[in-house]
């Protein structure tokens, strides 16, 4: 009889927890505190292959997972064991990175919804000797594009082109590159993307 009551209580608790998670899933990105130790991360509109990481303030990856499902992602994390400090959940999609920062202080986890941010990655396409670069930049952040030619041994590179682009919402550049190997760096604030081109 005691086992039946205990199992019934567990069942009711699981149904209540599931209802809570599904209720919060209406937001695009929501964080739900569950009990004293668990935090449930709920992400909407994910795709298989999206990369979820937890990083510390030095950029060290503490957790990494390639998402295997489409649509809604839900997972519980015990973040209270992390040392005091600043951390981020980082969800990397095809052309954007969603940042969800949080702090741990004496086993207490605090999320600041207003500090969540989205960074847009550049799109680079090569068509024979032409390289197209497009980047969505809604906050008009200064963006620098550097193009390096890499020597035949691959040991040295020479800067061939450098430009800082400011006050531009949609960055669009086309480069005509001679035959050879190139490295293109596109940086904006603390985000840098490197692409290698073999022409």
N, C-alpha and C. Protein backbone atom coordinates (compact mmCIF):
# COMPACT_ATOMS: atom_id res chain seq x y z
N UNK A 1 0.83 -1.20 0.00
CA UNK A 1 0.00 0.00 0.00
C UNK A 1 0.86 1.26 0.00
N UNK A 2 1.95 1.22 0.83
CA UNK A 2 2.84 2.37 0.89
C UNK A 2 3.51 2.60 -0.46
N UNK A 3 3.90 1.50 -1.15
CA UNK A 3 4.52 1.62 -2.47
C UNK A 3 3.56 2.24 -3.47
N UNK A 4 2.28 1.88 -3.39
CA UNK A 4 1.28 2.43 -4.30
C UNK A 4 1.14 3.93 -4.09
N UNK A 5 1.07 4.36 -2.83
CA UNK A 5 0.96 5.80 -2.52
C UNK A 5 2.21 6.53 -2.98
N UNK A 6 3.38 5.94 -2.72
CA UNK A 6 4.65 6.58 -3.11
C UNK A 6 4.72 6.72 -4.63
N UNK A 7 4.35 5.65 -5.37
CA UNK A 7 4.38 5.70 -6.84
C UNK A 7 3.36 6.69 -7.39
N UNK A 8 2.20 6.78 -6.74
CA UNK A 8 1.19 7.75 -7.16
C UNK A 8 1.71 9.17 -6.99
N UNK A 9 2.37 9.44 -5.87
CA UNK A 9 2.94 10.77 -5.63
C UNK A 9 4.00 11.10 -6.68
N UNK A 10 4.85 10.11 -7.00
CA UNK A 10 5.87 10.32 -8.04
C UNK A 10 5.22 10.64 -9.38
N UNK A 11 4.16 9.92 -9.71
CA UNK A 11 3.46 10.14 -10.98
C UNK A 11 2.87 11.54 -11.06
N UNK A 12 2.24 11.98 -9.95
CA UNK A 12 1.66 13.33 -9.91
C UNK A 12 2.75 14.38 -10.05
N UNK A 13 3.88 14.17 -9.39
CA UNK A 13 4.99 15.11 -9.46
C UNK A 13 5.53 15.20 -10.89
N UNK A 14 5.68 14.04 -11.57
CA UNK A 14 6.18 14.04 -12.95
C UNK A 14 5.22 14.76 -13.89
N UNK A 15 3.93 14.56 -13.73
CA UNK A 15 2.93 15.24 -14.57
C UNK A 15 2.99 16.74 -14.34
N UNK A 16 3.11 17.17 -13.08
CA UNK A 16 3.19 18.60 -12.76
C UNK A 16 4.45 19.21 -13.35
N UNK A 17 5.57 18.49 -13.27
CA UNK A 17 6.83 18.99 -13.81
C UNK A 17 6.74 19.10 -15.33
N UNK A 18 6.18 18.09 -16.00
CA UNK A 18 6.03 18.13 -17.44
C UNK A 18 5.13 19.29 -17.86
N UNK A 19 4.06 19.51 -17.14
CA UNK A 19 3.16 20.62 -17.45
C UNK A 19 3.88 21.96 -17.32
N UNK A 20 4.75 22.08 -16.31
CA UNK A 20 5.53 23.31 -16.13
C UNK A 20 6.47 23.53 -17.30
N UNK A 21 7.19 22.49 -17.71
CA UNK A 21 8.14 22.62 -18.81
C UNK A 21 7.42 22.98 -20.11
N UNK A 22 6.31 22.29 -20.40
CA UNK A 22 5.56 22.58 -21.63
C UNK A 22 4.98 23.98 -21.59
N UNK A 23 4.55 24.44 -20.43
CA UNK A 23 4.00 25.79 -20.30
C UNK A 23 5.03 26.85 -20.62
N UNK A 24 6.26 26.65 -20.16
CA UNK A 24 7.31 27.62 -20.44
C UNK A 24 7.85 27.51 -21.85
N UNK A 25 7.58 26.42 -22.54
CA UNK A 25 8.14 26.21 -23.87
C UNK A 25 7.55 27.15 -24.91
N UNK A 26 6.53 27.93 -24.56
CA UNK A 26 5.96 28.89 -25.49
C UNK A 26 6.92 30.03 -25.78
N UNK A 27 7.84 30.34 -24.85
CA UNK A 27 8.86 31.36 -25.10
C UNK A 27 9.91 30.77 -26.03
N UNK A 28 10.62 31.66 -26.76
CA UNK A 28 11.64 31.17 -27.69
C UNK A 28 12.79 30.54 -26.93
N UNK A 29 13.29 31.19 -25.91
CA UNK A 29 14.34 30.62 -25.06
C UNK A 29 13.95 30.90 -23.62
N UNK A 30 13.74 29.84 -22.84
CA UNK A 30 13.33 30.03 -21.45
C UNK A 30 14.19 29.19 -20.54
N UNK A 31 14.43 29.70 -19.37
CA UNK A 31 15.13 28.95 -18.35
C UNK A 31 14.18 28.79 -17.18
N UNK A 32 14.07 27.56 -16.69
CA UNK A 32 13.12 27.28 -15.62
C UNK A 32 13.88 26.70 -14.44
N UNK A 33 13.71 27.27 -13.29
CA UNK A 33 14.31 26.71 -12.08
C UNK A 33 13.42 25.60 -11.56
N UNK A 34 14.02 24.44 -11.30
CA UNK A 34 13.28 23.31 -10.75
C UNK A 34 13.94 22.92 -9.43
N UNK A 35 13.24 23.10 -8.35
CA UNK A 35 13.77 22.67 -7.06
C UNK A 35 15.02 23.44 -6.69
N UNK A 36 15.82 22.85 -5.80
CA UNK A 36 16.99 23.54 -5.28
C UNK A 36 18.21 23.38 -6.17
N UNK A 37 18.27 22.30 -6.98
CA UNK A 37 19.52 22.01 -7.68
C UNK A 37 19.39 22.01 -9.19
N UNK A 38 18.24 21.73 -9.73
CA UNK A 38 18.12 21.53 -11.18
C UNK A 38 17.61 22.78 -11.89
N UNK A 39 18.19 23.03 -13.07
CA UNK A 39 17.72 24.08 -13.96
C UNK A 39 17.36 23.42 -15.28
N UNK A 40 16.16 23.65 -15.77
CA UNK A 40 15.76 23.08 -17.06
C UNK A 40 15.94 24.15 -18.13
N UNK A 41 16.66 23.79 -19.18
CA UNK A 41 16.84 24.67 -20.33
C UNK A 41 15.85 24.25 -21.40
N UNK A 42 15.03 25.18 -21.85
CA UNK A 42 14.04 24.90 -22.88
C UNK A 42 14.34 25.80 -24.06
N UNK A 43 14.59 25.20 -25.22
CA UNK A 43 14.89 25.94 -26.44
C UNK A 43 13.89 25.56 -27.51
N UNK A 44 13.39 26.56 -28.19
CA UNK A 44 12.39 26.33 -29.23
C UNK A 44 13.05 26.52 -30.60
N UNK A 45 12.54 25.82 -31.59
CA UNK A 45 13.01 25.92 -32.98
C UNK A 45 14.47 25.53 -33.16
N UNK A 46 14.89 24.46 -32.51
CA UNK A 46 16.23 23.95 -32.75
C UNK A 46 16.19 22.96 -33.92
N UNK A 47 17.37 22.71 -34.48
CA UNK A 47 17.48 21.74 -35.57
C UNK A 47 18.54 20.72 -35.20
N UNK A 48 18.42 19.54 -35.78
CA UNK A 48 19.45 18.52 -35.59
C UNK A 48 20.77 19.07 -36.10
N UNK A 49 21.81 18.93 -35.28
CA UNK A 49 23.13 19.45 -35.66
C UNK A 49 23.48 20.76 -35.00
N UNK A 50 22.48 21.48 -34.45
CA UNK A 50 22.78 22.69 -33.67
C UNK A 50 23.67 22.28 -32.50
N UNK A 51 24.58 23.16 -32.11
CA UNK A 51 25.56 22.82 -31.07
C UNK A 51 25.28 23.63 -29.81
N UNK A 52 25.09 22.92 -28.69
CA UNK A 52 24.87 23.55 -27.40
C UNK A 52 26.12 23.37 -26.56
N UNK A 53 26.64 24.48 -26.01
CA UNK A 53 27.80 24.40 -25.12
C UNK A 53 27.55 25.23 -23.88
N UNK A 54 28.27 24.88 -22.82
CA UNK A 54 28.36 25.73 -21.63
C UNK A 54 29.82 26.15 -21.54
N UNK A 55 30.06 27.46 -21.44
CA UNK A 55 31.42 27.99 -21.39
C UNK A 55 31.59 28.85 -20.16
N UNK A 56 32.82 28.90 -19.65
CA UNK A 56 33.11 29.82 -18.56
C UNK A 56 33.53 31.17 -19.14
N UNK A 57 33.87 32.13 -18.27
CA UNK A 57 34.18 33.48 -18.75
C UNK A 57 35.50 33.56 -19.52
N UNK A 58 36.29 32.48 -19.53
CA UNK A 58 37.52 32.44 -20.33
C UNK A 58 37.29 31.77 -21.68
N UNK A 59 36.07 31.30 -21.92
CA UNK A 59 35.76 30.64 -23.18
C UNK A 59 36.03 29.14 -23.15
N UNK A 60 36.39 28.60 -22.00
CA UNK A 60 36.64 27.16 -21.88
C UNK A 60 35.32 26.41 -21.95
N UNK A 61 35.26 25.40 -22.81
CA UNK A 61 34.03 24.61 -22.96
C UNK A 61 33.94 23.59 -21.83
N UNK A 62 32.86 23.67 -21.04
CA UNK A 62 32.63 22.76 -19.93
C UNK A 62 31.66 21.64 -20.29
N UNK A 63 30.81 21.90 -21.30
CA UNK A 63 29.82 20.93 -21.73
C UNK A 63 29.55 21.17 -23.21
N UNK A 64 29.39 20.08 -23.96
CA UNK A 64 29.16 20.22 -25.40
C UNK A 64 28.21 19.12 -25.85
N UNK A 65 27.22 19.50 -26.65
CA UNK A 65 26.23 18.53 -27.13
C UNK A 65 25.73 18.94 -28.50
N UNK A 66 25.75 18.00 -29.44
CA UNK A 66 25.12 18.22 -30.74
C UNK A 66 23.66 17.80 -30.60
N UNK A 67 22.75 18.72 -30.86
CA UNK A 67 21.32 18.43 -30.69
C UNK A 67 20.86 17.48 -31.78
N UNK A 68 20.09 16.48 -31.38
CA UNK A 68 19.68 15.43 -32.31
C UNK A 68 18.23 15.54 -32.75
N UNK A 69 17.47 16.46 -32.15
CA UNK A 69 16.04 16.55 -32.46
C UNK A 69 15.71 17.87 -33.15
N UNK A 70 14.53 17.91 -33.74
CA UNK A 70 14.02 19.13 -34.36
C UNK A 70 12.92 19.70 -33.47
N UNK A 71 12.81 21.03 -33.45
CA UNK A 71 11.71 21.66 -32.72
C UNK A 71 12.06 22.06 -31.32
N UNK A 72 11.54 21.31 -30.33
CA UNK A 72 11.70 21.68 -28.92
C UNK A 72 12.79 20.86 -28.26
N UNK A 73 13.70 21.54 -27.55
CA UNK A 73 14.76 20.88 -26.81
C UNK A 73 14.58 21.21 -25.33
N UNK A 74 14.59 20.19 -24.48
CA UNK A 74 14.47 20.38 -23.03
C UNK A 74 15.47 19.47 -22.34
N UNK A 75 16.22 20.05 -21.42
CA UNK A 75 17.18 19.24 -20.66
C UNK A 75 17.43 19.89 -19.32
N UNK A 76 17.58 19.06 -18.27
CA UNK A 76 17.87 19.55 -16.93
C UNK A 76 19.37 19.56 -16.68
N UNK A 77 19.86 20.61 -16.04
CA UNK A 77 21.27 20.75 -15.68
C UNK A 77 21.39 21.06 -14.20
N UNK A 78 22.38 20.43 -13.53
CA UNK A 78 22.71 20.80 -12.16
C UNK A 78 23.90 21.75 -12.25
N UNK A 79 23.61 23.06 -12.18
CA UNK A 79 24.65 24.08 -12.32
C UNK A 79 25.21 24.52 -10.97
N UNK A 80 24.62 24.02 -9.89
CA UNK A 80 25.03 24.47 -8.55
C UNK A 80 26.43 23.97 -8.17
N UNK A 81 26.92 22.94 -8.85
CA UNK A 81 28.25 22.40 -8.54
C UNK A 81 29.38 23.20 -9.19
N UNK A 82 29.02 24.12 -10.09
CA UNK A 82 30.06 24.92 -10.75
C UNK A 82 30.68 25.88 -9.74
N UNK A 83 31.99 26.19 -9.90
CA UNK A 83 32.61 27.19 -9.03
C UNK A 83 31.98 28.57 -9.24
N UNK A 84 32.09 29.44 -8.26
CA UNK A 84 31.59 30.80 -8.40
C UNK A 84 32.17 31.43 -9.65
N UNK A 85 31.32 32.12 -10.42
CA UNK A 85 31.81 32.78 -11.63
C UNK A 85 30.72 33.01 -12.64
N UNK A 86 31.11 33.53 -13.81
CA UNK A 86 30.19 33.84 -14.90
C UNK A 86 30.32 32.76 -15.98
N UNK A 87 29.17 32.37 -16.53
CA UNK A 87 29.11 31.32 -17.54
C UNK A 87 28.08 31.70 -18.60
N UNK A 88 28.10 30.94 -19.71
CA UNK A 88 27.07 31.13 -20.73
C UNK A 88 26.65 29.78 -21.30
N UNK A 89 25.34 29.66 -21.60
CA UNK A 89 24.87 28.65 -22.53
C UNK A 89 25.03 29.28 -23.90
N UNK A 90 25.57 28.51 -24.85
CA UNK A 90 25.74 29.03 -26.20
C UNK A 90 25.11 28.04 -27.16
N UNK A 91 24.12 28.50 -27.93
CA UNK A 91 23.47 27.65 -28.93
C UNK A 91 23.89 28.14 -30.30
N UNK A 92 24.67 27.31 -30.99
CA UNK A 92 25.17 27.69 -32.32
C UNK A 92 24.30 27.06 -33.38
N UNK A 93 23.65 27.93 -34.19
CA UNK A 93 22.82 27.49 -35.30
C UNK A 93 23.58 27.74 -36.60
N UNK A 94 22.90 27.60 -37.73
CA UNK A 94 23.56 27.76 -39.02
C UNK A 94 24.23 29.12 -39.15
N UNK A 95 23.48 30.20 -38.93
CA UNK A 95 24.02 31.54 -39.14
C UNK A 95 23.88 32.44 -37.92
N UNK A 96 23.58 31.87 -36.76
CA UNK A 96 23.48 32.70 -35.56
C UNK A 96 23.92 31.92 -34.33
N UNK A 97 24.30 32.67 -33.32
CA UNK A 97 24.69 32.10 -32.03
C UNK A 97 23.87 32.80 -30.96
N UNK A 98 23.11 32.02 -30.18
CA UNK A 98 22.32 32.56 -29.08
C UNK A 98 23.10 32.40 -27.78
N UNK A 99 23.23 33.49 -27.03
CA UNK A 99 24.00 33.50 -25.79
C UNK A 99 23.03 33.69 -24.62
N UNK A 100 23.10 32.79 -23.63
CA UNK A 100 22.27 32.88 -22.42
C UNK A 100 23.24 32.89 -21.23
N UNK A 101 23.57 34.08 -20.70
CA UNK A 101 24.53 34.14 -19.60
C UNK A 101 23.90 33.83 -18.24
N UNK A 102 24.74 33.31 -17.34
CA UNK A 102 24.29 33.09 -15.96
C UNK A 102 25.49 33.16 -15.03
N UNK A 103 25.22 33.37 -13.76
CA UNK A 103 26.27 33.45 -12.74
C UNK A 103 25.99 32.43 -11.65
N UNK A 104 27.05 31.90 -11.10
CA UNK A 104 26.94 30.99 -9.96
C UNK A 104 27.64 31.65 -8.78
N UNK A 105 26.90 31.80 -7.68
CA UNK A 105 27.45 32.38 -6.45
C UNK A 105 27.04 31.50 -5.28
N UNK A 106 28.01 30.84 -4.68
CA UNK A 106 27.76 29.97 -3.53
C UNK A 106 26.61 29.00 -3.79
N UNK A 107 26.69 28.29 -4.91
CA UNK A 107 25.71 27.28 -5.34
C UNK A 107 24.36 27.87 -5.72
N UNK A 108 24.27 29.20 -5.81
CA UNK A 108 23.03 29.83 -6.28
C UNK A 108 23.24 30.26 -7.72
N UNK A 109 22.29 29.89 -8.61
CA UNK A 109 22.40 30.18 -10.04
C UNK A 109 21.45 31.32 -10.39
N UNK A 110 21.98 32.35 -11.04
CA UNK A 110 21.18 33.53 -11.38
C UNK A 110 21.28 33.81 -12.88
N UNK A 111 20.11 33.91 -13.54
CA UNK A 111 20.04 34.23 -14.96
C UNK A 111 19.53 35.65 -15.13
N UNK A 112 20.14 36.39 -16.06
CA UNK A 112 19.70 37.75 -16.37
C UNK A 112 19.16 37.75 -17.79
N UNK A 113 17.82 37.69 -17.90
CA UNK A 113 17.17 37.59 -19.22
C UNK A 113 17.54 38.77 -20.11
N UNK A 114 17.74 39.96 -19.51
CA UNK A 114 18.05 41.14 -20.33
C UNK A 114 19.44 41.06 -20.96
N UNK A 115 20.30 40.17 -20.46
CA UNK A 115 21.67 40.04 -21.00
C UNK A 115 21.75 39.00 -22.11
N UNK A 116 20.66 38.32 -22.41
CA UNK A 116 20.67 37.35 -23.51
C UNK A 116 20.92 38.09 -24.81
N UNK A 117 21.66 37.46 -25.72
CA UNK A 117 22.03 38.12 -26.98
C UNK A 117 22.08 37.11 -28.12
N UNK A 118 21.98 37.63 -29.34
CA UNK A 118 22.12 36.83 -30.55
C UNK A 118 23.19 37.48 -31.42
N UNK A 119 24.17 36.67 -31.82
CA UNK A 119 25.21 37.12 -32.73
C UNK A 119 25.04 36.39 -34.05
N UNK A 120 25.20 37.13 -35.14
CA UNK A 120 25.01 36.54 -36.46
C UNK A 120 26.36 36.21 -37.08
N UNK A 121 26.46 34.97 -37.57
CA UNK A 121 27.70 34.52 -38.19
C UNK A 121 27.71 34.94 -39.66
N UNK A 122 28.90 35.15 -40.21
CA UNK A 122 28.97 35.49 -41.63
C UNK A 122 28.70 34.26 -42.50
N UNK A 123 28.19 34.51 -43.68
CA UNK A 123 28.00 33.46 -44.68
C UNK A 123 29.04 33.68 -45.77
N UNK A 124 29.84 32.66 -46.03
CA UNK A 124 30.91 32.76 -47.03
C UNK A 124 30.66 31.71 -48.10
N UNK A 125 30.64 32.15 -49.36
CA UNK A 125 30.41 31.24 -50.48
C UNK A 125 31.47 31.47 -51.53
N UNK A 126 32.04 30.37 -52.03
CA UNK A 126 33.04 30.46 -53.09
C UNK A 126 32.44 29.98 -54.39
N UNK A 127 32.65 30.76 -55.46
CA UNK A 127 32.21 30.38 -56.80
C UNK A 127 33.39 30.63 -57.74
N UNK A 128 34.14 29.59 -57.99
CA UNK A 128 35.39 29.65 -58.76
C UNK A 128 36.35 30.64 -58.11
N UNK A 129 36.70 31.75 -58.79
CA UNK A 129 37.67 32.68 -58.21
C UNK A 129 36.99 33.82 -57.44
N UNK A 130 35.68 33.77 -57.28
CA UNK A 130 34.96 34.79 -56.53
C UNK A 130 34.56 34.25 -55.16
N UNK A 131 34.71 35.09 -54.14
CA UNK A 131 34.30 34.74 -52.78
C UNK A 131 33.31 35.80 -52.31
N UNK A 132 32.11 35.35 -51.92
CA UNK A 132 31.05 36.25 -51.47
C UNK A 132 30.95 36.16 -49.94
N UNK A 133 30.91 37.30 -49.29
CA UNK A 133 30.76 37.35 -47.83
C UNK A 133 29.52 38.19 -47.51
N UNK A 134 28.61 37.62 -46.72
CA UNK A 134 27.42 38.32 -46.28
C UNK A 134 27.30 38.16 -44.78
N UNK A 135 26.96 39.24 -44.09
CA UNK A 135 26.78 39.16 -42.64
C UNK A 135 25.67 40.11 -42.22
N UNK A 136 24.69 39.58 -41.49
CA UNK A 136 23.63 40.40 -40.93
C UNK A 136 24.16 41.05 -39.65
N UNK A 137 24.00 42.35 -39.54
CA UNK A 137 24.62 43.11 -38.44
C UNK A 137 23.61 44.14 -37.90
N UNK A 138 22.52 43.66 -37.25
CA UNK A 138 21.44 44.57 -36.86
C UNK A 138 21.84 45.64 -35.85
N UNK A 139 22.88 45.38 -35.05
CA UNK A 139 23.29 46.36 -34.04
C UNK A 139 24.40 47.28 -34.54
N UNK A 140 24.69 47.19 -35.85
CA UNK A 140 25.66 48.08 -36.50
C UNK A 140 27.04 48.04 -35.83
N UNK A 141 27.46 46.86 -35.40
CA UNK A 141 28.76 46.73 -34.75
C UNK A 141 29.87 46.80 -35.80
N UNK A 142 30.99 47.40 -35.41
CA UNK A 142 32.14 47.48 -36.31
C UNK A 142 32.62 46.06 -36.61
N UNK A 143 32.83 45.78 -37.88
CA UNK A 143 33.26 44.46 -38.32
C UNK A 143 34.50 44.59 -39.18
N UNK A 144 35.50 43.76 -38.91
CA UNK A 144 36.75 43.80 -39.67
C UNK A 144 36.88 42.53 -40.50
N UNK A 145 37.24 42.72 -41.78
CA UNK A 145 37.50 41.60 -42.68
C UNK A 145 38.97 41.64 -43.08
N UNK A 146 39.68 40.57 -42.80
CA UNK A 146 41.08 40.43 -43.21
C UNK A 146 41.21 39.23 -44.13
N UNK A 147 41.90 39.43 -45.26
CA UNK A 147 42.15 38.35 -46.21
C UNK A 147 43.66 38.12 -46.27
N UNK A 148 44.09 36.89 -45.96
CA UNK A 148 45.50 36.53 -45.98
C UNK A 148 45.76 35.52 -47.08
N UNK A 149 46.87 35.72 -47.82
CA UNK A 149 47.34 34.71 -48.77
C UNK A 149 48.28 33.79 -48.02
N UNK A 150 48.10 32.48 -48.17
CA UNK A 150 48.93 31.49 -47.48
C UNK A 150 49.93 30.93 -48.49
N UNK A 151 51.20 30.88 -48.10
CA UNK A 151 52.22 30.39 -49.04
C UNK A 151 52.05 28.90 -49.31
N UNK A 152 52.78 28.40 -50.31
CA UNK A 152 52.60 27.03 -50.77
C UNK A 152 52.85 26.00 -49.68
N UNK A 153 53.78 26.30 -48.76
CA UNK A 153 54.07 25.36 -47.67
C UNK A 153 53.01 25.42 -46.56
N UNK A 154 52.22 26.49 -46.56
CA UNK A 154 51.19 26.66 -45.54
C UNK A 154 51.72 27.16 -44.22
N UNK A 155 52.98 27.60 -44.21
CA UNK A 155 53.60 28.01 -42.95
C UNK A 155 53.50 29.51 -42.69
N UNK A 156 53.34 30.32 -43.73
CA UNK A 156 53.27 31.77 -43.56
C UNK A 156 52.09 32.33 -44.33
N UNK A 157 51.59 33.45 -43.82
CA UNK A 157 50.50 34.13 -44.52
C UNK A 157 50.81 35.62 -44.63
N UNK A 158 50.34 36.22 -45.72
CA UNK A 158 50.57 37.64 -45.98
C UNK A 158 49.22 38.34 -46.07
N UNK A 159 49.06 39.42 -45.33
CA UNK A 159 47.81 40.17 -45.37
C UNK A 159 47.67 40.83 -46.74
N UNK A 160 46.59 40.52 -47.44
CA UNK A 160 46.34 41.07 -48.78
C UNK A 160 45.26 42.14 -48.78
N UNK A 161 44.34 42.05 -47.79
CA UNK A 161 43.24 43.01 -47.76
C UNK A 161 42.75 43.13 -46.33
N UNK A 162 42.44 44.35 -45.90
CA UNK A 162 41.88 44.56 -44.58
C UNK A 162 40.92 45.75 -44.64
N UNK A 163 39.75 45.58 -44.05
CA UNK A 163 38.76 46.66 -44.03
C UNK A 163 37.92 46.58 -42.77
N UNK A 164 37.70 47.72 -42.14
CA UNK A 164 36.76 47.81 -41.03
C UNK A 164 35.49 48.45 -41.56
N UNK A 165 34.38 47.78 -41.34
CA UNK A 165 33.08 48.25 -41.84
C UNK A 165 32.27 48.71 -40.64
N UNK A 166 31.76 49.94 -40.70
CA UNK A 166 30.97 50.49 -39.60
C UNK A 166 29.61 50.96 -40.10
N UNK A 167 28.66 51.04 -39.17
CA UNK A 167 27.31 51.56 -39.45
C UNK A 167 26.65 50.90 -40.65
N UNK A 168 26.79 49.58 -40.75
CA UNK A 168 26.20 48.85 -41.86
C UNK A 168 25.41 47.67 -41.31
N UNK A 169 24.13 47.60 -41.68
CA UNK A 169 23.28 46.54 -41.15
C UNK A 169 23.48 45.22 -41.89
N UNK A 170 23.63 45.27 -43.21
CA UNK A 170 23.89 44.07 -43.99
C UNK A 170 25.21 44.25 -44.72
N UNK A 171 26.20 43.48 -44.32
CA UNK A 171 27.53 43.57 -44.91
C UNK A 171 27.58 42.62 -46.10
N UNK A 172 27.98 43.14 -47.25
CA UNK A 172 28.09 42.34 -48.46
C UNK A 172 29.40 42.70 -49.16
N UNK A 173 30.28 41.71 -49.31
CA UNK A 173 31.56 41.93 -49.97
C UNK A 173 31.80 40.80 -50.97
N UNK A 174 32.48 41.15 -52.08
CA UNK A 174 32.88 40.15 -53.08
C UNK A 174 34.37 40.33 -53.33
N UNK A 175 35.11 39.22 -53.29
CA UNK A 175 36.54 39.24 -53.57
C UNK A 175 36.84 38.37 -54.77
N UNK A 176 37.70 38.87 -55.65
CA UNK A 176 38.20 38.05 -56.75
C UNK A 176 39.62 37.66 -56.38
N UNK A 177 39.84 36.36 -56.18
CA UNK A 177 41.12 35.88 -55.69
C UNK A 177 41.85 35.10 -56.78
N UNK A 178 43.14 35.39 -56.89
CA UNK A 178 43.98 34.62 -57.81
C UNK A 178 44.13 33.20 -57.28
N UNK A 179 44.63 32.32 -58.13
CA UNK A 179 44.80 30.92 -57.73
C UNK A 179 45.73 30.84 -56.52
N UNK A 180 45.32 30.06 -55.53
CA UNK A 180 46.13 29.92 -54.33
C UNK A 180 45.27 29.58 -53.12
N UNK A 181 45.89 29.65 -51.94
CA UNK A 181 45.21 29.35 -50.68
C UNK A 181 45.09 30.63 -49.86
N UNK A 182 43.93 30.81 -49.23
CA UNK A 182 43.65 32.04 -48.51
C UNK A 182 43.00 31.72 -47.16
N UNK A 183 43.21 32.64 -46.24
CA UNK A 183 42.52 32.60 -44.95
C UNK A 183 41.76 33.92 -44.81
N UNK A 184 40.47 33.84 -44.50
CA UNK A 184 39.64 35.03 -44.33
C UNK A 184 39.17 35.08 -42.88
N UNK A 185 39.48 36.17 -42.21
CA UNK A 185 39.05 36.37 -40.82
C UNK A 185 38.00 37.48 -40.79
N UNK A 186 36.87 37.19 -40.18
CA UNK A 186 35.79 38.17 -40.04
C UNK A 186 35.53 38.31 -38.55
N UNK A 187 35.80 39.50 -38.01
CA UNK A 187 35.67 39.68 -36.56
C UNK A 187 34.79 40.87 -36.23
N UNK A 188 34.01 40.71 -35.17
CA UNK A 188 33.13 41.76 -34.67
C UNK A 188 33.06 41.61 -33.16
N UNK A 189 33.52 42.63 -32.44
CA UNK A 189 33.64 42.58 -30.98
C UNK A 189 34.45 41.35 -30.58
N UNK A 190 33.90 40.47 -29.75
CA UNK A 190 34.65 39.30 -29.29
C UNK A 190 34.42 38.06 -30.14
N UNK A 191 33.77 38.22 -31.28
CA UNK A 191 33.46 37.08 -32.13
C UNK A 191 34.32 37.10 -33.38
N UNK A 192 35.01 36.00 -33.62
CA UNK A 192 35.85 35.90 -34.81
C UNK A 192 35.56 34.60 -35.53
N UNK A 193 35.41 34.69 -36.87
CA UNK A 193 35.18 33.51 -37.69
C UNK A 193 36.27 33.45 -38.74
N UNK A 194 36.84 32.27 -38.91
CA UNK A 194 37.92 32.07 -39.86
C UNK A 194 37.47 31.05 -40.90
N UNK A 195 37.70 31.40 -42.17
CA UNK A 195 37.35 30.51 -43.28
C UNK A 195 38.58 30.35 -44.17
N UNK A 196 38.86 29.12 -44.58
CA UNK A 196 39.98 28.85 -45.47
C UNK A 196 39.44 28.60 -46.88
N UNK A 197 40.07 29.23 -47.87
CA UNK A 197 39.65 29.12 -49.26
C UNK A 197 40.80 28.51 -50.06
N UNK A 198 40.50 27.46 -50.80
CA UNK A 198 41.46 26.86 -51.73
C UNK A 198 40.96 27.14 -53.14
N UNK A 199 41.68 27.97 -53.86
CA UNK A 199 41.22 28.45 -55.16
C UNK A 199 42.03 27.78 -56.25
